[in-house]
Amino acid sequence: MNTQRFVDFLSAMDGIVEHSASDETALFNQAESALTALIAHDDWLPTAYAQPNPEKYQQYLLYTDPQRRYSVQSFVWAPGQGTPIHNHTVWGLVGVLRGAEQCNEYPAPGSNAMRCTHEHRLERGHVDRVSPNIGDWHAVSNAFADQPSISIHVYGADIGRIERSVFDPVTQTVKPFVSGYSNETAWIAAR
């Protein structure tokens, strides 16, 4: 296992958030390049952070920046698993390491019924962006019915500990939630 790839990615992210935090476009462009380079190789993620659970998708915390400027997670989707419609409230990147994901995008909740405005499939090696500035509401699911998929997420906060929202399409209401993590401690706690 080549854990140095992930350590190098974290070093790159430290510099990116240090120098580009006030320019979301520059931050996205640089962070997307770093994430694309990381997910181009599938030899660094420990098995413990790549395990699906048949009951619920897993959100494993890999790292949280000590200053809470960003965090990194592996999302592991068993066949048929997905998220409800939700937002993030911060910038984020989703890069597919294994398998593929289906993403359905939604406008921010308003006076009209919330309907999917765009859907796309993320293949292995592809990266997607989210933020309140470019589109923050989506639902994500495993694109395969017969195998797990794994994506690496990078967010501009400790995403599992901040209050966000889910949208209930049946009641057309927004509810607060805090996602938490599937593991108790980060894979890499300090460097």
N, C-alpha and C. Protein backbone atom coordinates (compact mmCIF):
# COMPACT_ATOMS: atom_id res chain seq x y z
N MET A 1 0.86 -1.18 0.00
CA MET A 1 0.00 0.00 0.00
C MET A 1 0.90 1.24 0.00
N ASN A 2 0.57 2.19 -0.87
CA ASN A 2 1.38 3.39 -1.03
C ASN A 2 0.71 4.57 -0.31
N THR A 3 0.82 4.61 1.01
CA THR A 3 0.18 5.69 1.78
C THR A 3 0.82 7.04 1.50
N GLN A 4 2.03 7.03 0.96
CA GLN A 4 2.70 8.31 0.67
C GLN A 4 1.89 9.13 -0.34
N ARG A 5 1.16 8.46 -1.23
CA ARG A 5 0.31 9.20 -2.19
C ARG A 5 -0.68 10.09 -1.45
N PHE A 6 -1.30 9.54 -0.40
CA PHE A 6 -2.29 10.31 0.34
C PHE A 6 -1.61 11.42 1.14
N VAL A 7 -0.48 11.14 1.74
CA VAL A 7 0.27 12.17 2.48
C VAL A 7 0.66 13.31 1.54
N ASP A 8 1.11 12.98 0.34
CA ASP A 8 1.46 14.01 -0.64
C ASP A 8 0.23 14.83 -1.04
N PHE A 9 -0.92 14.15 -1.19
CA PHE A 9 -2.16 14.86 -1.50
C PHE A 9 -2.51 15.85 -0.39
N LEU A 10 -2.37 15.44 0.87
CA LEU A 10 -2.67 16.33 1.99
C LEU A 10 -1.73 17.53 1.99
N SER A 11 -0.47 17.31 1.69
CA SER A 11 0.48 18.43 1.61
C SER A 11 0.07 19.41 0.51
N ALA A 12 -0.35 18.86 -0.63
CA ALA A 12 -0.82 19.73 -1.72
C ALA A 12 -2.05 20.51 -1.28
N MET A 13 -2.99 19.85 -0.61
CA MET A 13 -4.21 20.53 -0.15
C MET A 13 -3.89 21.62 0.86
N ASP A 14 -2.93 21.38 1.74
CA ASP A 14 -2.54 22.42 2.70
C ASP A 14 -2.14 23.70 1.97
N GLY A 15 -1.31 23.56 0.95
CA GLY A 15 -0.87 24.72 0.18
C GLY A 15 -2.01 25.37 -0.58
N ILE A 16 -2.88 24.55 -1.14
CA ILE A 16 -4.00 25.08 -1.93
C ILE A 16 -4.94 25.90 -1.06
N VAL A 17 -5.33 25.37 0.09
CA VAL A 17 -6.27 26.13 0.94
C VAL A 17 -5.58 27.33 1.57
N GLU A 18 -4.29 27.25 1.78
CA GLU A 18 -3.54 28.39 2.33
C GLU A 18 -3.52 29.55 1.36
N HIS A 19 -3.31 29.27 0.07
CA HIS A 19 -3.10 30.33 -0.91
C HIS A 19 -4.32 30.68 -1.75
N SER A 20 -5.32 29.81 -1.80
CA SER A 20 -6.45 30.04 -2.70
C SER A 20 -7.80 30.08 -2.01
N ALA A 21 -7.83 30.12 -0.69
CA ALA A 21 -9.09 30.05 0.05
C ALA A 21 -10.06 31.17 -0.34
N SER A 22 -9.56 32.34 -0.73
CA SER A 22 -10.45 33.46 -1.04
C SER A 22 -10.90 33.46 -2.50
N ASP A 23 -10.40 32.55 -3.31
CA ASP A 23 -10.75 32.47 -4.73
C ASP A 23 -11.24 31.05 -5.02
N GLU A 24 -12.57 30.85 -4.96
CA GLU A 24 -13.12 29.50 -5.10
C GLU A 24 -12.76 28.86 -6.43
N THR A 25 -12.73 29.62 -7.51
CA THR A 25 -12.40 29.06 -8.81
C THR A 25 -10.98 28.53 -8.81
N ALA A 26 -10.04 29.30 -8.32
CA ALA A 26 -8.64 28.85 -8.26
C ALA A 26 -8.52 27.64 -7.32
N LEU A 27 -9.20 27.69 -6.18
CA LEU A 27 -9.17 26.57 -5.25
C LEU A 27 -9.70 25.31 -5.92
N PHE A 28 -10.84 25.40 -6.59
CA PHE A 28 -11.41 24.24 -7.28
C PHE A 28 -10.44 23.70 -8.33
N ASN A 29 -9.89 24.58 -9.16
CA ASN A 29 -9.01 24.12 -10.23
C ASN A 29 -7.80 23.39 -9.68
N GLN A 30 -7.17 23.94 -8.66
CA GLN A 30 -5.97 23.32 -8.08
C GLN A 30 -6.31 22.06 -7.30
N ALA A 31 -7.37 22.12 -6.49
CA ALA A 31 -7.75 20.96 -5.68
C ALA A 31 -8.25 19.82 -6.57
N GLU A 32 -8.95 20.14 -7.65
CA GLU A 32 -9.39 19.09 -8.58
C GLU A 32 -8.20 18.39 -9.22
N SER A 33 -7.18 19.15 -9.58
CA SER A 33 -5.97 18.53 -10.15
C SER A 33 -5.32 17.59 -9.15
N ALA A 34 -5.23 18.03 -7.89
CA ALA A 34 -4.62 17.20 -6.85
C ALA A 34 -5.44 15.93 -6.61
N LEU A 35 -6.77 16.07 -6.56
CA LEU A 35 -7.63 14.91 -6.33
C LEU A 35 -7.60 13.96 -7.53
N THR A 36 -7.59 14.50 -8.72
CA THR A 36 -7.50 13.66 -9.93
C THR A 36 -6.22 12.83 -9.91
N ALA A 37 -5.12 13.45 -9.51
CA ALA A 37 -3.85 12.71 -9.42
C ALA A 37 -3.92 11.61 -8.37
N LEU A 38 -4.58 11.89 -7.24
CA LEU A 38 -4.70 10.89 -6.18
C LEU A 38 -5.53 9.69 -6.63
N ILE A 39 -6.69 9.95 -7.22
CA ILE A 39 -7.59 8.84 -7.58
C ILE A 39 -7.18 8.13 -8.86
N ALA A 40 -6.14 8.63 -9.51
CA ALA A 40 -5.61 7.93 -10.69
C ALA A 40 -4.93 6.63 -10.29
N HIS A 41 -4.62 6.50 -9.00
CA HIS A 41 -3.96 5.30 -8.46
C HIS A 41 -4.86 4.68 -7.41
N ASP A 42 -4.98 3.37 -7.44
CA ASP A 42 -5.83 2.67 -6.47
C ASP A 42 -4.96 1.74 -5.62
N ASP A 43 -3.92 2.32 -5.02
CA ASP A 43 -3.00 1.52 -4.22
C ASP A 43 -2.71 2.14 -2.85
N TRP A 44 -3.52 3.10 -2.44
CA TRP A 44 -3.20 3.85 -1.22
C TRP A 44 -4.27 3.77 -0.13
N LEU A 45 -5.51 3.45 -0.46
CA LEU A 45 -6.60 3.45 0.52
C LEU A 45 -6.60 2.14 1.29
N PRO A 46 -6.45 2.19 2.63
CA PRO A 46 -6.46 0.96 3.43
C PRO A 46 -7.82 0.24 3.32
N THR A 47 -7.78 -1.06 3.39
CA THR A 47 -8.97 -1.90 3.27
C THR A 47 -10.04 -1.50 4.29
N ALA A 48 -9.63 -1.11 5.49
CA ALA A 48 -10.58 -0.75 6.54
C ALA A 48 -11.48 0.42 6.13
N TYR A 49 -11.01 1.28 5.20
CA TYR A 49 -11.76 2.46 4.78
C TYR A 49 -12.39 2.27 3.40
N ALA A 50 -12.47 1.00 2.99
CA ALA A 50 -13.06 0.66 1.70
C ALA A 50 -14.12 -0.44 1.83
N GLN A 51 -14.60 -0.65 3.06
CA GLN A 51 -15.55 -1.73 3.32
C GLN A 51 -16.99 -1.26 3.21
N PRO A 52 -17.77 -1.89 2.32
CA PRO A 52 -19.19 -1.55 2.27
C PRO A 52 -19.94 -2.18 3.45
N ASN A 53 -21.10 -1.62 3.73
CA ASN A 53 -22.00 -2.14 4.76
C ASN A 53 -23.34 -2.36 4.06
N PRO A 54 -23.92 -3.55 4.13
CA PRO A 54 -25.16 -3.80 3.40
C PRO A 54 -26.34 -2.96 3.90
N GLU A 55 -26.23 -2.39 5.09
CA GLU A 55 -27.33 -1.61 5.67
C GLU A 55 -27.33 -0.15 5.23
N LYS A 56 -26.14 0.45 5.03
CA LYS A 56 -26.06 1.89 4.78
C LYS A 56 -24.71 2.22 4.15
N TYR A 57 -24.70 3.21 3.27
CA TYR A 57 -23.41 3.63 2.72
C TYR A 57 -22.51 4.11 3.86
N GLN A 58 -21.22 4.01 3.66
CA GLN A 58 -20.25 4.35 4.69
C GLN A 58 -19.53 5.65 4.33
N GLN A 59 -19.37 6.51 5.32
CA GLN A 59 -18.65 7.77 5.18
C GLN A 59 -17.49 7.72 6.16
N TYR A 60 -16.33 7.25 5.67
CA TYR A 60 -15.16 7.09 6.52
C TYR A 60 -14.32 8.37 6.52
N LEU A 61 -14.04 8.89 7.70
CA LEU A 61 -13.17 10.05 7.81
C LEU A 61 -11.72 9.61 7.62
N LEU A 62 -11.06 10.20 6.63
CA LEU A 62 -9.65 9.91 6.40
C LEU A 62 -8.75 10.95 7.04
N TYR A 63 -9.17 12.23 6.99
CA TYR A 63 -8.32 13.29 7.53
C TYR A 63 -9.15 14.55 7.73
N THR A 64 -8.86 15.27 8.81
CA THR A 64 -9.39 16.62 9.02
C THR A 64 -8.21 17.54 9.28
N ASP A 65 -8.13 18.60 8.52
CA ASP A 65 -7.11 19.62 8.72
C ASP A 65 -7.22 20.16 10.15
N PRO A 66 -6.10 20.31 10.87
CA PRO A 66 -6.17 20.79 12.26
C PRO A 66 -6.89 22.13 12.40
N GLN A 67 -6.85 22.95 11.35
CA GLN A 67 -7.53 24.25 11.40
C GLN A 67 -8.97 24.17 10.86
N ARG A 68 -9.43 22.95 10.53
CA ARG A 68 -10.78 22.68 10.02
C ARG A 68 -11.06 23.39 8.69
N ARG A 69 -9.99 23.65 7.90
CA ARG A 69 -10.15 24.29 6.60
C ARG A 69 -10.66 23.31 5.55
N TYR A 70 -10.40 22.02 5.76
CA TYR A 70 -10.88 20.99 4.84
C TYR A 70 -10.85 19.64 5.53
N SER A 71 -11.57 18.68 4.95
CA SER A 71 -11.57 17.30 5.43
C SER A 71 -11.66 16.38 4.22
N VAL A 72 -11.25 15.12 4.42
CA VAL A 72 -11.24 14.14 3.34
C VAL A 72 -11.91 12.87 3.85
N GLN A 73 -12.80 12.30 3.03
CA GLN A 73 -13.51 11.08 3.39
C GLN A 73 -13.51 10.11 2.22
N SER A 74 -13.66 8.82 2.55
CA SER A 74 -13.99 7.83 1.52
C SER A 74 -15.45 7.45 1.74
N PHE A 75 -16.22 7.53 0.67
CA PHE A 75 -17.61 7.09 0.69
C PHE A 75 -17.65 5.74 0.00
N VAL A 76 -18.21 4.76 0.68
CA VAL A 76 -18.28 3.40 0.14
C VAL A 76 -19.75 3.04 -0.01
N TRP A 77 -20.11 2.74 -1.25
CA TRP A 77 -21.49 2.47 -1.61
C TRP A 77 -21.64 1.01 -1.98
N ALA A 78 -22.46 0.28 -1.26
CA ALA A 78 -22.83 -1.08 -1.69
C ALA A 78 -23.82 -0.92 -2.84
N PRO A 79 -24.05 -1.98 -3.60
CA PRO A 79 -25.03 -1.88 -4.70
C PRO A 79 -26.38 -1.38 -4.20
N GLY A 80 -26.95 -0.42 -4.94
CA GLY A 80 -28.27 0.11 -4.61
C GLY A 80 -28.29 1.20 -3.57
N GLN A 81 -27.16 1.56 -2.98
CA GLN A 81 -27.17 2.57 -1.92
C GLN A 81 -26.99 3.97 -2.49
N GLY A 82 -27.55 4.95 -1.78
CA GLY A 82 -27.42 6.34 -2.17
C GLY A 82 -27.84 7.26 -1.05
N THR A 83 -27.67 8.54 -1.28
CA THR A 83 -28.01 9.55 -0.29
C THR A 83 -29.40 10.11 -0.54
N PRO A 84 -29.98 10.75 0.45
CA PRO A 84 -31.16 11.57 0.18
C PRO A 84 -30.69 12.85 -0.53
N ILE A 85 -31.61 13.67 -0.98
CA ILE A 85 -31.27 14.99 -1.52
C ILE A 85 -30.73 15.81 -0.36
N HIS A 86 -29.54 16.39 -0.55
CA HIS A 86 -28.89 17.11 0.55
C HIS A 86 -28.02 18.23 0.02
N ASN A 87 -27.62 19.11 0.93
CA ASN A 87 -26.68 20.17 0.58
C ASN A 87 -25.39 19.99 1.37
N HIS A 88 -24.45 20.94 1.19
CA HIS A 88 -23.14 20.84 1.83
C HIS A 88 -22.79 22.10 2.62
N THR A 89 -23.21 23.25 2.16
CA THR A 89 -22.97 24.58 2.75
C THR A 89 -21.53 25.06 2.58
N VAL A 90 -20.65 24.24 2.03
CA VAL A 90 -19.24 24.59 1.80
C VAL A 90 -18.83 24.02 0.44
N TRP A 91 -17.66 24.44 -0.05
CA TRP A 91 -17.16 23.86 -1.31
C TRP A 91 -16.82 22.39 -1.10
N GLY A 92 -16.89 21.63 -2.18
CA GLY A 92 -16.56 20.22 -2.09
C GLY A 92 -16.22 19.63 -3.44
N LEU A 93 -15.44 18.56 -3.40
CA LEU A 93 -15.06 17.79 -4.58
C LEU A 93 -15.35 16.32 -4.32
N VAL A 94 -15.83 15.63 -5.33
CA VAL A 94 -16.11 14.20 -5.25
C VAL A 94 -15.36 13.54 -6.40
N GLY A 95 -14.44 12.62 -6.07
CA GLY A 95 -13.67 11.92 -7.09
C GLY A 95 -13.88 10.42 -6.97
N VAL A 96 -14.21 9.77 -8.07
CA VAL A 96 -14.50 8.34 -8.04
C VAL A 96 -13.20 7.54 -8.13
N LEU A 97 -12.95 6.74 -7.09
CA LEU A 97 -11.77 5.88 -7.03
C LEU A 97 -12.05 4.51 -7.63
N ARG A 98 -13.22 3.94 -7.32
CA ARG A 98 -13.62 2.62 -7.83
C ARG A 98 -15.09 2.66 -8.21
N GLY A 99 -15.43 1.96 -9.28
CA GLY A 99 -16.83 1.88 -9.69
C GLY A 99 -17.28 3.13 -10.41
N ALA A 100 -18.51 3.56 -10.12
CA ALA A 100 -19.10 4.76 -10.72
C ALA A 100 -20.26 5.23 -9.84
N GLU A 101 -20.59 6.51 -9.97
CA GLU A 101 -21.69 7.09 -9.20
C GLU A 101 -22.66 7.82 -10.11
N GLN A 102 -23.91 7.80 -9.70
CA GLN A 102 -24.95 8.58 -10.36
C GLN A 102 -25.19 9.81 -9.51
N CYS A 103 -25.22 10.98 -10.12
CA CYS A 103 -25.47 12.23 -9.40
C CYS A 103 -26.67 12.93 -10.01
N ASN A 104 -27.65 13.24 -9.18
CA ASN A 104 -28.83 14.01 -9.58
C ASN A 104 -28.76 15.36 -8.88
N GLU A 105 -28.75 16.43 -9.66
CA GLU A 105 -28.61 17.78 -9.11
C GLU A 105 -29.97 18.46 -9.00
N TYR A 106 -30.11 19.32 -7.98
CA TYR A 106 -31.36 20.02 -7.69
C TYR A 106 -31.08 21.48 -7.41
N PRO A 107 -32.05 22.36 -7.69
CA PRO A 107 -31.89 23.76 -7.28
C PRO A 107 -32.11 23.87 -5.78
N ALA A 108 -31.69 24.97 -5.21
CA ALA A 108 -31.96 25.19 -3.78
C ALA A 108 -33.46 25.20 -3.56
N PRO A 109 -33.92 24.66 -2.43
CA PRO A 109 -35.37 24.65 -2.16
C PRO A 109 -35.93 26.06 -2.18
N GLY A 110 -37.10 26.18 -2.76
CA GLY A 110 -37.76 27.47 -2.84
C GLY A 110 -39.25 27.30 -2.84
N SER A 111 -39.92 28.17 -3.53
CA SER A 111 -41.38 28.13 -3.53
C SER A 111 -41.92 27.05 -4.47
N ASN A 112 -41.13 26.60 -5.43
CA ASN A 112 -41.59 25.56 -6.35
C ASN A 112 -41.19 24.19 -5.86
N ALA A 113 -41.87 23.16 -6.35
CA ALA A 113 -41.50 21.79 -6.01
C ALA A 113 -40.08 21.53 -6.51
N MET A 114 -39.30 20.86 -5.72
CA MET A 114 -37.91 20.61 -6.07
C MET A 114 -37.83 19.42 -7.02
N ARG A 115 -37.29 19.65 -8.20
CA ARG A 115 -37.15 18.61 -9.20
C ARG A 115 -35.71 18.56 -9.70
N CYS A 116 -35.28 17.38 -10.07
CA CYS A 116 -33.94 17.20 -10.61
C CYS A 116 -33.78 18.04 -11.87
N THR A 117 -32.71 18.85 -11.91
CA THR A 117 -32.47 19.70 -13.07
C THR A 117 -31.36 19.17 -13.97
N HIS A 118 -30.55 18.27 -13.44
CA HIS A 118 -29.46 17.70 -14.23
C HIS A 118 -29.02 16.40 -13.57
N GLU A 119 -28.74 15.41 -14.39
CA GLU A 119 -28.17 14.18 -13.85
C GLU A 119 -26.99 13.76 -14.71
N HIS A 120 -26.02 13.18 -14.05
CA HIS A 120 -24.84 12.71 -14.77
C HIS A 120 -24.21 11.55 -14.01
N ARG A 121 -23.39 10.82 -14.72
CA ARG A 121 -22.71 9.68 -14.16
C ARG A 121 -21.23 10.01 -14.03
N LEU A 122 -20.68 9.73 -12.88
CA LEU A 122 -19.25 9.93 -12.64
C LEU A 122 -18.55 8.58 -12.74
N GLU A 123 -17.68 8.45 -13.71
CA GLU A 123 -16.91 7.22 -13.90
C GLU A 123 -15.63 7.29 -13.07
N ARG A 124 -14.95 6.15 -12.97
CA ARG A 124 -13.68 6.10 -12.25
C ARG A 124 -12.74 7.17 -12.81
N GLY A 125 -12.14 7.93 -11.89
CA GLY A 125 -11.21 8.99 -12.28
C GLY A 125 -11.85 10.34 -12.49
N HIS A 126 -13.19 10.41 -12.54
CA HIS A 126 -13.88 11.69 -12.73
C HIS A 126 -14.06 12.41 -11.40
N VAL A 127 -14.09 13.74 -11.47
CA VAL A 127 -14.26 14.58 -10.28
C VAL A 127 -15.44 15.53 -10.52
N ASP A 128 -16.26 15.72 -9.49
CA ASP A 128 -17.40 16.62 -9.54
C ASP A 128 -17.21 17.69 -8.48
N ARG A 129 -17.83 18.86 -8.70
CA ARG A 129 -17.73 19.99 -7.78
C ARG A 129 -19.10 20.35 -7.20
N VAL A 130 -19.11 20.80 -5.94
CA VAL A 130 -20.32 21.34 -5.32
C VAL A 130 -19.93 22.55 -4.48
N SER A 131 -20.83 23.50 -4.38
CA SER A 131 -20.69 24.63 -3.45
C SER A 131 -21.96 25.45 -3.52
N PRO A 132 -22.21 26.27 -2.51
CA PRO A 132 -23.38 27.14 -2.57
C PRO A 132 -23.33 28.11 -3.76
N ASN A 133 -22.13 28.39 -4.29
CA ASN A 133 -21.99 29.32 -5.40
C ASN A 133 -22.27 28.71 -6.77
N ILE A 134 -22.07 27.39 -6.92
CA ILE A 134 -22.23 26.77 -8.24
C ILE A 134 -23.31 25.69 -8.28
N GLY A 135 -23.86 25.36 -7.14
CA GLY A 135 -24.87 24.30 -7.04
C GLY A 135 -24.52 23.38 -5.89
N ASP A 136 -25.39 23.34 -4.91
CA ASP A 136 -25.05 22.68 -3.65
C ASP A 136 -25.96 21.52 -3.28
N TRP A 137 -27.04 21.33 -4.03
CA TRP A 137 -28.02 20.29 -3.68
C TRP A 137 -27.93 19.14 -4.67
N HIS A 138 -27.79 17.93 -4.16
CA HIS A 138 -27.78 16.76 -5.03
C HIS A 138 -28.11 15.50 -4.24
N ALA A 139 -28.33 14.43 -4.97
CA ALA A 139 -28.45 13.08 -4.41
C ALA A 139 -27.47 12.23 -5.20
N VAL A 140 -26.73 11.37 -4.50
CA VAL A 140 -25.70 10.55 -5.13
C VAL A 140 -25.98 9.09 -4.81
N SER A 141 -25.71 8.22 -5.78
CA SER A 141 -25.91 6.79 -5.55
C SER A 141 -24.88 5.98 -6.33
N ASN A 142 -24.72 4.73 -5.91
CA ASN A 142 -23.87 3.80 -6.64
C ASN A 142 -24.50 3.56 -8.01
N ALA A 143 -23.72 3.69 -9.05
CA ALA A 143 -24.25 3.49 -10.41
C ALA A 143 -24.34 2.02 -10.79
N PHE A 144 -23.77 1.15 -9.96
CA PHE A 144 -23.77 -0.29 -10.27
C PHE A 144 -24.73 -1.04 -9.35
N ALA A 145 -25.41 -2.02 -9.91
CA ALA A 145 -26.33 -2.86 -9.15
C ALA A 145 -25.64 -4.13 -8.65
N ASP A 146 -24.40 -4.36 -9.05
CA ASP A 146 -23.75 -5.63 -8.72
C ASP A 146 -22.36 -5.51 -8.11
N GLN A 147 -21.93 -4.29 -7.77
CA GLN A 147 -20.61 -4.12 -7.15
C GLN A 147 -20.57 -2.82 -6.35
N PRO A 148 -19.68 -2.75 -5.36
CA PRO A 148 -19.53 -1.51 -4.61
C PRO A 148 -18.85 -0.43 -5.46
N SER A 149 -19.01 0.81 -5.06
CA SER A 149 -18.28 1.93 -5.64
C SER A 149 -17.70 2.73 -4.48
N ILE A 150 -16.56 3.38 -4.74
CA ILE A 150 -15.89 4.19 -3.71
C ILE A 150 -15.52 5.53 -4.31
N SER A 151 -15.86 6.60 -3.59
CA SER A 151 -15.45 7.93 -4.00
C SER A 151 -14.72 8.61 -2.84
N ILE A 152 -13.82 9.50 -3.22
CA ILE A 152 -13.05 10.29 -2.25
C ILE A 152 -13.61 11.71 -2.29
N HIS A 153 -14.01 12.21 -1.12
CA HIS A 153 -14.63 13.52 -1.00
C HIS A 153 -13.71 14.46 -0.23
N VAL A 154 -13.61 15.69 -0.71
CA VAL A 154 -12.84 16.73 -0.04
C VAL A 154 -13.78 17.91 0.14
N TYR A 155 -13.94 18.37 1.38
CA TYR A 155 -14.85 19.47 1.68
C TYR A 155 -14.14 20.59 2.42
N GLY A 156 -14.64 21.80 2.26
CA GLY A 156 -14.06 22.97 2.90
C GLY A 156 -14.49 23.15 4.34
N ALA A 157 -14.59 22.06 5.09
CA ALA A 157 -14.94 22.05 6.52
C ALA A 157 -14.86 20.61 6.99
N ASP A 158 -15.02 20.41 8.27
CA ASP A 158 -15.12 19.05 8.82
C ASP A 158 -16.57 18.62 8.60
N ILE A 159 -16.86 18.16 7.39
CA ILE A 159 -18.23 18.00 6.89
C ILE A 159 -19.11 17.11 7.76
N GLY A 160 -18.55 16.12 8.40
CA GLY A 160 -19.35 15.22 9.22
C GLY A 160 -19.80 15.81 10.53
N ARG A 161 -19.31 17.02 10.84
CA ARG A 161 -19.64 17.64 12.12
C ARG A 161 -20.38 18.97 11.98
N ILE A 162 -20.71 19.36 10.75
CA ILE A 162 -21.44 20.62 10.58
C ILE A 162 -22.90 20.34 10.24
N GLU A 163 -23.76 21.28 10.61
CA GLU A 163 -25.18 21.12 10.31
C GLU A 163 -25.44 21.49 8.85
N ARG A 164 -26.11 20.56 8.18
CA ARG A 164 -26.50 20.75 6.79
C ARG A 164 -27.99 20.45 6.69
N SER A 165 -28.49 20.22 5.48
CA SER A 165 -29.92 19.96 5.31
C SER A 165 -30.17 18.83 4.34
N VAL A 166 -31.27 18.13 4.58
CA VAL A 166 -31.79 17.15 3.62
C VAL A 166 -33.17 17.64 3.20
N PHE A 167 -33.54 17.24 1.99
CA PHE A 167 -34.84 17.61 1.46
C PHE A 167 -35.68 16.36 1.35
N ASP A 168 -36.90 16.41 1.91
CA ASP A 168 -37.82 15.29 1.84
C ASP A 168 -38.78 15.55 0.68
N PRO A 169 -38.66 14.78 -0.42
CA PRO A 169 -39.53 15.04 -1.58
C PRO A 169 -41.00 14.71 -1.34
N VAL A 170 -41.29 13.87 -0.37
CA VAL A 170 -42.68 13.52 -0.08
C VAL A 170 -43.39 14.69 0.60
N THR A 171 -42.76 15.24 1.63
CA THR A 171 -43.37 16.34 2.37
C THR A 171 -42.96 17.71 1.83
N GLN A 172 -41.99 17.73 0.90
CA GLN A 172 -41.45 18.98 0.34
C GLN A 172 -40.91 19.89 1.44
N THR A 173 -40.22 19.28 2.41
CA THR A 173 -39.66 20.06 3.51
C THR A 173 -38.16 19.83 3.63
N VAL A 174 -37.50 20.82 4.20
CA VAL A 174 -36.07 20.77 4.47
C VAL A 174 -35.89 20.50 5.96
N LYS A 175 -34.99 19.56 6.26
CA LYS A 175 -34.72 19.20 7.65
C LYS A 175 -33.22 19.28 7.92
N PRO A 176 -32.82 19.79 9.09
CA PRO A 176 -31.39 19.83 9.41
C PRO A 176 -30.86 18.44 9.75
N PHE A 177 -29.58 18.22 9.46
CA PHE A 177 -28.93 16.98 9.87
C PHE A 177 -27.42 17.21 9.99
N VAL A 178 -26.78 16.34 10.74
CA VAL A 178 -25.33 16.27 10.84
C VAL A 178 -24.98 14.84 10.47
N SER A 179 -24.18 14.65 9.44
CA SER A 179 -23.96 13.31 8.90
C SER A 179 -23.12 12.41 9.80
N GLY A 180 -22.15 12.97 10.50
CA GLY A 180 -21.24 12.14 11.28
C GLY A 180 -20.37 11.30 10.36
N TYR A 181 -19.68 10.32 10.95
CA TYR A 181 -18.79 9.44 10.22
C TYR A 181 -19.04 7.99 10.61
N SER A 182 -18.62 7.09 9.75
CA SER A 182 -18.77 5.66 10.02
C SER A 182 -17.67 5.13 10.92
N ASN A 183 -16.57 5.87 11.05
CA ASN A 183 -15.48 5.50 11.95
C ASN A 183 -15.34 6.57 13.02
N GLU A 184 -14.71 6.20 14.13
CA GLU A 184 -14.61 7.12 15.25
C GLU A 184 -13.42 8.06 15.17
N THR A 185 -12.35 7.61 14.57
CA THR A 185 -11.16 8.46 14.45
C THR A 185 -10.67 8.45 13.01
N ALA A 186 -10.03 9.53 12.63
CA ALA A 186 -9.51 9.64 11.27
C ALA A 186 -8.41 8.63 11.03
N TRP A 187 -8.26 8.25 9.76
CA TRP A 187 -7.18 7.36 9.37
C TRP A 187 -5.84 8.01 9.68
N ILE A 188 -5.66 9.24 9.24
CA ILE A 188 -4.42 9.98 9.51
C ILE A 188 -4.82 11.13 10.42
N ALA A 189 -4.44 11.03 11.68
CA ALA A 189 -4.83 12.04 12.65
C ALA A 189 -3.89 13.25 12.63
N ALA A 190 -2.62 13.01 12.39
CA ALA A 190 -1.64 14.09 12.37
C ALA A 190 -0.51 13.70 11.42
N ARG A 191 0.16 14.72 10.92
CA ARG A 191 1.30 14.45 10.03
C ARG A 191 2.50 15.19 10.53
